[in-house]
C-alpha atoms as a PDB file:
ATOM      1  CA  MET A   1       0.000   0.000   0.000  1.00  0.00           C
ATOM      2  CA  ALA A   2       1.333   3.455  -0.873  1.00  0.00           C
ATOM      3  CA  GLU A   3       1.275   6.576   1.261  1.00  0.00           C
ATOM      4  CA  ASN A   4      -0.395   9.612  -0.303  1.00  0.00           C
ATOM      5  CA  LYS A   5       1.825  12.124   1.507  1.00  0.00           C
ATOM      6  CA  VAL A   6       4.164  14.010  -0.828  1.00  0.00           C
ATOM      7  CA  GLN A   7       7.774  14.197   0.349  1.00  0.00           C
ATOM      8  CA  GLU A   8      10.590  16.322  -1.062  1.00  0.00           C
ATOM      9  CA  LEU A   9      13.660  14.645  -2.486  1.00  0.00           C
ATOM     10  CA  SER A  10      16.648  15.037  -0.202  1.00  0.00           C
ATOM     11  CA  GLY A  11      19.635  17.148  -1.186  1.00  0.00           C
ATOM     12  CA  SER A  12      21.710  14.040  -1.826  1.00  0.00           C
ATOM     13  CA  GLU A  13      18.969  12.542  -4.025  1.00  0.00           C
ATOM     14  CA  ARG A  14      18.761  15.751  -6.089  1.00  0.00           C
ATOM     15  CA  LYS A  15      22.576  15.815  -6.363  1.00  0.00           C
ATOM     16  CA  GLN A  16      22.654  12.222  -7.619  1.00  0.00           C
ATOM     17  CA  ILE A  17      20.049  12.997 -10.297  1.00  0.00           C
ATOM     18  CA  ILE A  18      21.732  16.180 -11.576  1.00  0.00           C
ATOM     19  CA  GLU A  19      25.139  14.443 -11.687  1.00  0.00           C
ATOM     20  CA  VAL A  20      23.675  11.941 -14.170  1.00  0.00           C
ATOM     21  CA  LEU A  21      21.304  14.274 -16.020  1.00  0.00           C
ATOM     22  CA  LEU A  22      23.798  17.016 -16.918  1.00  0.00           C
ATOM     23  CA  PRO A  23      26.257  14.705 -18.738  1.00  0.00           C
ATOM     24  CA  ALA A  24      23.312  12.975 -20.463  1.00  0.00           C
ATOM     25  CA  LEU A  25      22.073  16.333 -21.751  1.00  0.00           C
ATOM     26  CA  ASN A  26      25.533  17.206 -23.025  1.00  0.00           C
ATOM     27  CA  GLU A  27      25.637  13.975 -25.053  1.00  0.00           C
ATOM     28  CA  ILE A  28      22.692  15.114 -27.212  1.00  0.00           C
ATOM     29  CA  SER A  29      24.045  15.669 -30.712  1.00  0.00           C
ATOM     30  CA  GLY A  30      23.423  18.942 -32.469  1.00  0.00           C
ATOM     31  CA  LEU A  31      23.372  21.215 -29.434  1.00  0.00           C
ATOM     32  CA  PRO A  32      24.873  24.634 -30.188  1.00  0.00           C
ATOM     33  CA  CYS A  33      27.099  24.532 -27.087  1.00  0.00           C
ATOM     34  CA  LYS A  34      27.807  22.706 -23.842  1.00  0.00           C
ATOM     35  CA  ILE A  35      25.077  22.916 -21.179  1.00  0.00           C
ATOM     36  CA  ASN A  36      26.342  24.478 -17.941  1.00  0.00           C
ATOM     37  CA  LEU A  37      24.964  23.973 -14.445  1.00  0.00           C
ATOM     38  CA  GLU A  38      22.885  26.912 -13.198  1.00  0.00           C
ATOM     39  CA  VAL A  39      24.670  29.723 -15.081  1.00  0.00           C
ATOM     40  CA  LEU A  40      24.647  31.063 -18.629  1.00  0.00           C
ATOM     41  CA  ASP A  41      27.826  32.389 -20.205  1.00  0.00           C
ATOM     42  CA  GLU A  42      27.690  36.107 -20.951  1.00  0.00           C
ATOM     43  CA  LYS A  43      28.012  35.722 -24.720  1.00  0.00           C
ATOM     44  CA  PRO A  44      25.723  33.555 -26.874  1.00  0.00           C
ATOM     45  CA  PRO A  45      25.345  30.793 -27.656  1.00  0.00           C
ATOM     46  CA  SER A  46      25.077  29.576 -24.090  1.00  0.00           C
ATOM     47  CA  MET A  47      22.930  26.988 -22.330  1.00  0.00           C
ATOM     48  CA  CYS A  48      22.376  25.910 -18.747  1.00  0.00           C
ATOM     49  CA  ILE A  49      20.213  23.615 -16.670  1.00  0.00           C
ATOM     50  CA  GLN A  50      18.506  25.047 -13.604  1.00  0.00           C
ATOM     51  CA  GLN A  51      17.181  22.850 -10.828  1.00  0.00           C
ATOM     52  CA  LEU A  52      13.666  23.850  -9.787  1.00  0.00           C
ATOM     53  CA  ARG A  53      11.670  23.564  -6.596  1.00  0.00           C
ATOM     54  CA  GLY A  54       9.221  20.710  -6.415  1.00  0.00           C
ATOM     55  CA  ALA A  55      11.516  17.677  -6.618  1.00  0.00           C
ATOM     56  CA  GLN A  56       9.436  15.115  -4.791  1.00  0.00           C
ATOM     57  CA  LYS A  57       8.648  11.530  -3.923  1.00  0.00           C
ATOM     58  CA  LEU A  58       5.182  10.308  -4.836  1.00  0.00           C
ATOM     59  CA  ASN A  59       3.477   7.019  -4.058  1.00  0.00           C
ATOM     60  CA  VAL A  60       5.976   5.926  -1.406  1.00  0.00           C
ATOM     61  CA  ASN A  61       5.347   2.267  -0.597  1.00  0.00           C
ATOM     62  CA  ILE A  62       5.814   0.563   2.755  1.00  0.00           C
ATOM     63  CA  ILE A  63       9.121  -1.024   1.758  1.00  0.00           C
ATOM     64  CA  GLY A  64      10.662   2.280   0.621  1.00  0.00           C
ATOM     65  CA  GLY A  65      10.130   2.378  -3.129  1.00  0.00           C
ATOM     66  CA  PHE A  66       8.638   5.487  -4.726  1.00  0.00           C
ATOM     67  CA  THR A  67       8.076   7.488  -7.870  1.00  0.00           C
ATOM     68  CA  GLY A  68      10.415  10.479  -8.022  1.00  0.00           C
ATOM     69  CA  LEU A  69       9.826  13.742  -9.890  1.00  0.00           C
ATOM     70  CA  PHE A  70      12.698  16.077 -10.699  1.00  0.00           C
ATOM     71  CA  PRO A  71      11.656  19.320 -12.423  1.00  0.00           C
ATOM     72  CA  PHE A  72      14.280  21.391 -14.199  1.00  0.00           C
ATOM     73  CA  ALA A  73      14.565  24.241 -16.678  1.00  0.00           C
ATOM     74  CA  ILE A  74      16.912  24.553 -19.614  1.00  0.00           C
ATOM     75  CA  TRP A  75      17.939  28.044 -20.674  1.00  0.00           C
ATOM     76  CA  TYR A  76      19.350  28.992 -24.063  1.00  0.00           C
ATOM     77  CA  ARG A  77      20.925  32.405 -24.732  1.00  0.00           C
ATOM     78  CA  VAL A  78      20.853  33.558 -28.369  1.00  0.00           C
ATOM     79  CA  SER A  79      22.037  36.737 -30.060  1.00  0.00           C
ATOM     80  CA  GLY A  80      18.463  37.867 -30.797  1.00  0.00           C
ATOM     81  CA  ARG A  81      19.478  39.696 -33.978  1.00  0.00           C
ATOM     82  CA  ASP A  82      16.498  38.539 -35.998  1.00  0.00           C
ATOM     83  CA  THR A  83      13.577  36.149 -36.297  1.00  0.00           C
ATOM     84  CA  ALA A  84      15.880  33.289 -37.332  1.00  0.00           C
ATOM     85  CA  ASP A  85      17.749  33.589 -34.000  1.00  0.00           C
ATOM     86  CA  ARG A  86      14.455  33.597 -32.118  1.00  0.00           C
ATOM     87  CA  ILE A  87      13.221  30.516 -33.962  1.00  0.00           C
ATOM     88  CA  GLU A  88      16.537  28.829 -33.143  1.00  0.00           C
ATOM     89  CA  GLY A  89      15.986  29.663 -29.458  1.00  0.00           C
ATOM     90  CA  THR A  90      12.757  27.694 -29.348  1.00  0.00           C
ATOM     91  CA  ARG A  91      13.839  24.961 -31.780  1.00  0.00           C
ATOM     92  CA  VAL A  92      16.763  23.766 -29.669  1.00  0.00           C
ATOM     93  CA  LEU A  93      14.621  23.518 -26.527  1.00  0.00           C
ATOM     94  CA  ASN A  94      11.863  21.685 -28.426  1.00  0.00           C
ATOM     95  CA  ASP A  95      14.459  19.309 -29.897  1.00  0.00           C
ATOM     96  CA  ILE A  96      15.616  18.364 -26.389  1.00  0.00           C
ATOM     97  CA  GLY A  97      12.026  17.458 -25.484  1.00  0.00           C
ATOM     98  CA  SER A  98      11.701  15.413 -28.678  1.00  0.00           C
ATOM     99  CA  PHE A  99      15.007  13.641 -28.026  1.00  0.00           C
ATOM    100  CA  PHE A 100      13.804  12.327 -24.670  1.00  0.00           C
ATOM    101  CA  SER A 101      10.379  11.310 -26.013  1.00  0.00           C
ATOM    102  CA  ASN A 102      12.252   8.295 -27.402  1.00  0.00           C
ATOM    103  CA  THR A 103      12.653   6.076 -24.324  1.00  0.00           C
ATOM    104  CA  GLU A 104      15.904   4.654 -25.726  1.00  0.00           C
ATOM    105  CA  ASN A 105      17.461   8.065 -25.003  1.00  0.00           C
ATOM    106  CA  LEU A 106      16.564   8.153 -21.306  1.00  0.00           C
ATOM    107  CA  PRO A 107      19.616   8.284 -19.028  1.00  0.00           C
ATOM    108  CA  ASP A 108      20.704   5.415 -16.799  1.00  0.00           C
ATOM    109  CA  LEU A 109      20.225   6.865 -13.315  1.00  0.00           C
ATOM    110  CA  GLY A 110      22.158   4.057 -11.635  1.00  0.00           C
ATOM    111  CA  GLY A 111      21.493   2.277  -8.384  1.00  0.00           C
ATOM    112  CA  CYS A 112      17.896   1.234  -7.962  1.00  0.00           C
ATOM    113  CA  ARG A 113      16.541   4.139 -10.070  1.00  0.00           C
ATOM    114  CA  ILE A 114      14.844   3.607 -13.414  1.00  0.00           C
ATOM    115  CA  CYS A 115      14.129   6.689 -15.524  1.00  0.00           C
ATOM    116  CA  ARG A 116      10.549   6.392 -16.810  1.00  0.00           C
ATOM    117  CA  LYS A 117      10.287   9.601 -18.812  1.00  0.00           C
ATOM    118  CA  ILE A 118      11.574  13.098 -19.380  1.00  0.00           C
ATOM    119  CA  GLU A 119       8.997  15.436 -20.806  1.00  0.00           C
ATOM    120  CA  MET A 120       8.713  19.113 -21.587  1.00  0.00           C
ATOM    121  CA  THR A 121       6.051  20.581 -19.300  1.00  0.00           C
ATOM    122  CA  SER A 122       6.074  24.134 -20.695  1.00  0.00           C
ATOM    123  CA  ILE A 123       6.679  25.492 -24.149  1.00  0.00           C
ATOM    124  CA  PRO A 124       9.891  27.449 -24.761  1.00  0.00           C
ATOM    125  CA  ILE A 125       9.478  31.158 -24.093  1.00  0.00           C
ATOM    126  CA  CYS A 126      11.691  34.220 -24.297  1.00  0.00           C
ATOM    127  CA  ASN A 127      12.183  34.970 -20.624  1.00  0.00           C
ATOM    128  CA  ASN A 128      14.755  37.797 -20.814  1.00  0.00           C
ATOM    129  CA  ARG A 129      15.777  40.419 -23.351  1.00  0.00           C
ATOM    130  CA  HIS A 130      19.022  42.213 -22.591  1.00  0.00           C
ATOM    131  CA  GLU A 131      20.199  45.689 -23.605  1.00  0.00           C
ATOM    132  CA  ASP A 132      22.857  44.198 -25.883  1.00  0.00           C
ATOM    133  CA  GLY A 133      20.121  42.395 -27.851  1.00  0.00           C
ATOM    134  CA  THR A 134      20.741  38.910 -26.476  1.00  0.00           C
ATOM    135  CA  GLU A 135      17.681  36.902 -25.503  1.00  0.00           C
ATOM    136  CA  ASP A 136      17.267  34.047 -23.031  1.00  0.00           C
ATOM    137  CA  TYR A 137      14.802  31.295 -23.896  1.00  0.00           C
ATOM    138  CA  MET A 138      13.642  28.803 -21.287  1.00  0.00           C
ATOM    139  CA  ALA A 139      11.581  25.606 -21.190  1.00  0.00           C
ATOM    140  CA  ILE A 140      10.622  23.479 -18.194  1.00  0.00           C
ATOM    141  CA  TYR A 141      10.996  19.713 -18.180  1.00  0.00           C
ATOM    142  CA  SER A 142      10.250  16.961 -15.688  1.00  0.00           C
ATOM    143  CA  LEU A 143      12.195  13.752 -15.121  1.00  0.00           C
ATOM    144  CA  GLU A 144      10.128  10.934 -13.624  1.00  0.00           C
ATOM    145  CA  TYR A 145      11.796   7.855 -12.220  1.00  0.00           C
ATOM    146  CA  GLN A 146      11.007   4.747 -10.211  1.00  0.00           C
ATOM    147  CA  GLN A 147      13.104   4.216  -7.090  1.00  0.00           C
ATOM    148  CA  LYS A 148      13.074   0.570  -6.089  1.00  0.00           C
ATOM    149  CA  SER A 149      13.536  -0.298  -2.448  1.00  0.00           C
ATOM    150  CA  LYS A 150      16.449  -2.450  -1.345  1.00  0.00           C
ATOM    151  CA  PHE A 151      13.910  -5.269  -0.882  1.00  0.00           C
ATOM    152  CA  GLU A 152      12.635  -5.270  -4.490  1.00  0.00           C
END
């Protein structure tokens, strides 16, 4: 029987997920640049992953297994010179969502964790426009995984 109480993932659980997710993201072919952790480079192109609040355990069972949710955002800084740059800003973020829709591309989370899906939960939007003309596009994704207990 599963508990209905929602619990947050611990700091060490979040750390373990991001340490696997970031390299997996950087293995996607065709990205315009390396994806950084939490910070965009000043000059485009630049990308980063941002960990978001709401990482949680759902459906915790009595032997310790659960479904984990790890929300994150990916940011992409473009030059913003013209419409083609703006289309590129959304295309790259959409392509990441499409890449993970193929379950063969899901990362191996290690241990007793099985990645079930990574999906885009918001469309890419221009979140910042800077005085120098650069623009920052952002999309939100969610990684869902199954954590097996040590007894399963």
